Amino acid sequence: MADSAATPCPDRRSSSSGSDASLQTSTSLGTTARADSSYHYRVTWSAEDKEQVGLCAEFPSLSWLASTPEKALAGIRRVVAAVVDEMNTAGEPAPEALAEKSYSGRFMVRILSSVHRTLATEAAEQGVSLNRLVSAKLAM
């Protein structure tokens, strides 16, 4: 199959086979690097297309299909660079790179009271705080 142009692929993430290896890169090359260099890229196998698919977390509607992981990564990077250039030309802000965002380490989650009770009971039985228990479960 020939390498393909960028295509919207909101469903591709769920169609990727979890057993296939994926290539991930998240780099920051300094202030003189191109705007797309600090974005988070991932390449994975698309069972549906029978090709590698390159993805960018900050641009979930973009993808690049290719015969090899290297070509898929190069393709999605080119597409993102072109989109960022178009956004800059139009005066639109490009998405902030995940690698550049700061995170507080706090977020609130609403859960059913029965789940809250179950987690609180489990934390008490283990002799840890509810926060520590939930953090450990999320880290799995």
Protein backbone atom coordinates (compact mmCIF):
# COMPACT_ATOMS: atom_id res chain seq x y z
CA MET A 1 0.00 0.00 0.00
CA ALA A 2 1.20 3.51 -0.73
CA ASP A 3 1.81 6.03 2.00
CA SER A 4 -1.25 8.21 2.33
CA ALA A 5 -2.03 11.81 3.03
CA ALA A 6 -3.37 13.09 6.32
CA THR A 7 -6.83 11.93 7.11
CA PRO A 8 -9.16 12.61 10.00
CA CYS A 9 -9.28 9.44 12.03
CA PRO A 10 -11.11 9.85 15.34
CA ASP A 11 -11.91 6.12 15.36
CA ARG A 12 -8.39 4.86 14.57
CA ARG A 13 -7.23 5.00 18.18
CA SER A 14 -9.80 2.43 19.23
CA SER A 15 -9.14 0.18 16.23
CA SER A 16 -5.43 -0.17 16.95
CA SER A 17 -4.37 -3.56 18.19
CA GLY A 18 -3.13 -3.38 21.76
CA SER A 19 -0.71 -6.26 21.18
CA ASP A 20 1.24 -4.45 18.49
CA ALA A 21 4.28 -2.44 19.49
CA SER A 22 4.01 1.30 19.26
CA LEU A 23 6.67 3.94 18.79
CA GLN A 24 6.26 7.04 20.91
CA THR A 25 8.17 10.28 20.93
CA SER A 26 7.75 13.45 22.90
CA THR A 27 10.65 15.82 22.42
CA SER A 28 11.48 19.43 23.06
CA LEU A 29 14.38 20.73 20.99
CA GLY A 30 14.67 24.28 22.31
CA THR A 31 13.32 27.65 21.31
CA THR A 32 14.84 27.63 17.83
CA ALA A 33 13.18 24.33 16.90
CA ARG A 34 10.07 24.20 14.77
CA ALA A 35 6.77 24.66 16.59
CA ASP A 36 5.77 21.02 16.08
CA SER A 37 8.92 19.53 17.67
CA SER A 38 7.56 19.36 21.22
CA TYR A 39 4.25 17.73 20.34
CA HIS A 40 3.55 14.14 21.42
CA TYR A 41 3.65 11.69 18.50
CA ARG A 42 2.73 8.02 18.45
CA VAL A 43 2.89 5.35 15.78
CA THR A 44 0.85 2.19 16.03
CA TRP A 45 -0.45 -0.56 13.76
CA SER A 46 -3.89 -0.06 12.22
CA ALA A 47 -5.54 -3.45 11.78
CA GLU A 48 -8.29 -1.79 9.75
CA ASP A 49 -5.88 -0.25 7.24
CA LYS A 50 -3.15 -2.88 7.53
CA GLU A 51 -0.58 -0.08 7.79
CA GLN A 52 1.22 1.93 10.42
CA VAL A 53 -0.64 5.05 11.53
CA GLY A 54 1.09 8.15 12.86
CA LEU A 55 -0.84 10.23 15.39
CA CYS A 56 -0.32 13.47 17.31
CA ALA A 57 -2.02 13.83 20.70
CA GLU A 58 -2.44 17.59 20.32
CA PHE A 59 -4.12 17.17 16.91
CA PRO A 60 -6.41 14.14 17.35
CA SER A 61 -8.14 14.65 13.99
CA LEU A 62 -4.89 14.20 12.03
CA SER A 63 -3.20 10.95 11.06
CA TRP A 64 -0.75 9.57 8.50
CA LEU A 65 -0.82 6.03 7.11
CA ALA A 66 2.43 4.48 5.91
CA SER A 67 4.09 1.14 5.29
CA THR A 68 6.69 1.56 8.07
CA PRO A 69 6.67 3.20 11.53
CA GLU A 70 9.43 5.58 10.43
CA LYS A 71 7.44 6.78 7.40
CA ALA A 72 4.28 7.15 9.51
CA LEU A 73 6.15 9.27 12.07
CA ALA A 74 7.77 11.43 9.39
CA GLY A 75 4.41 11.85 7.66
CA ILE A 76 2.44 12.94 10.72
CA ARG A 77 5.23 15.34 11.70
CA ARG A 78 5.06 16.96 8.24
CA VAL A 79 1.27 17.25 8.44
CA VAL A 80 1.38 18.81 11.91
CA ALA A 81 4.07 21.25 10.77
CA ALA A 82 1.91 22.26 7.80
CA VAL A 83 -1.18 22.72 9.98
CA VAL A 84 0.78 24.78 12.54
CA ASP A 85 2.15 26.94 9.70
CA GLU A 86 -1.41 27.47 8.38
CA MET A 87 -2.65 28.35 11.87
CA ASN A 88 0.20 30.84 12.33
CA THR A 89 -0.53 32.41 8.94
CA ALA A 90 -4.22 32.74 9.84
CA GLY A 91 -3.35 34.25 13.23
CA GLU A 92 -4.79 31.28 15.11
CA PRO A 93 -2.99 29.92 18.16
CA ALA A 94 -1.58 26.41 17.79
CA PRO A 95 -2.36 23.96 20.60
CA GLU A 96 0.04 24.00 23.52
CA ALA A 97 2.27 20.93 23.56
CA LEU A 98 1.47 18.47 26.33
CA ALA A 99 5.17 18.44 27.20
CA GLU A 100 5.07 22.21 27.80
CA LYS A 101 1.95 22.27 30.01
CA SER A 102 2.31 22.32 33.76
CA TYR A 103 0.13 20.08 35.85
CA SER A 104 -0.78 20.66 39.49
CA GLY A 105 -1.16 16.99 40.34
CA ARG A 106 -4.75 17.61 41.44
CA PHE A 107 -8.03 16.92 39.71
CA MET A 108 -11.54 16.19 40.93
CA VAL A 109 -13.52 13.16 39.92
CA ARG A 110 -17.19 12.62 40.69
CA ILE A 111 -18.14 9.03 41.44
CA LEU A 112 -21.17 7.19 42.73
CA SER A 113 -21.54 7.26 46.51
CA SER A 114 -21.44 3.45 46.56
CA VAL A 115 -18.05 3.48 44.77
CA HIS A 116 -16.81 6.14 47.22
CA ARG A 117 -17.88 3.94 50.14
CA THR A 118 -16.19 0.86 48.65
CA LEU A 119 -12.93 2.75 48.07
CA ALA A 120 -13.00 4.31 51.54
CA THR A 121 -13.54 0.88 53.09
CA GLU A 122 -10.68 -0.62 51.06
CA ALA A 123 -8.38 2.25 52.08
CA ALA A 124 -9.26 1.79 55.76
CA GLU A 125 -8.64 -1.95 55.53
CA GLN A 126 -5.22 -1.31 53.98
CA GLY A 127 -4.38 1.42 56.49
CA VAL A 128 -3.81 4.08 53.83
CA SER A 129 -5.55 7.31 52.92
CA LEU A 130 -8.27 7.30 50.29
CA ASN A 131 -6.07 9.61 48.19
CA ARG A 132 -3.13 7.18 48.33
CA LEU A 133 -5.34 4.21 47.42
CA VAL A 134 -6.92 5.97 44.44
CA SER A 135 -3.53 7.30 43.27
CA ALA A 136 -2.14 3.77 43.35
CA LYS A 137 -5.12 2.41 41.41
CA LEU A 138 -4.81 5.14 38.77
CA ALA A 139 -1.09 4.44 38.37
CA MET A 140 -1.72 0.79 37.42
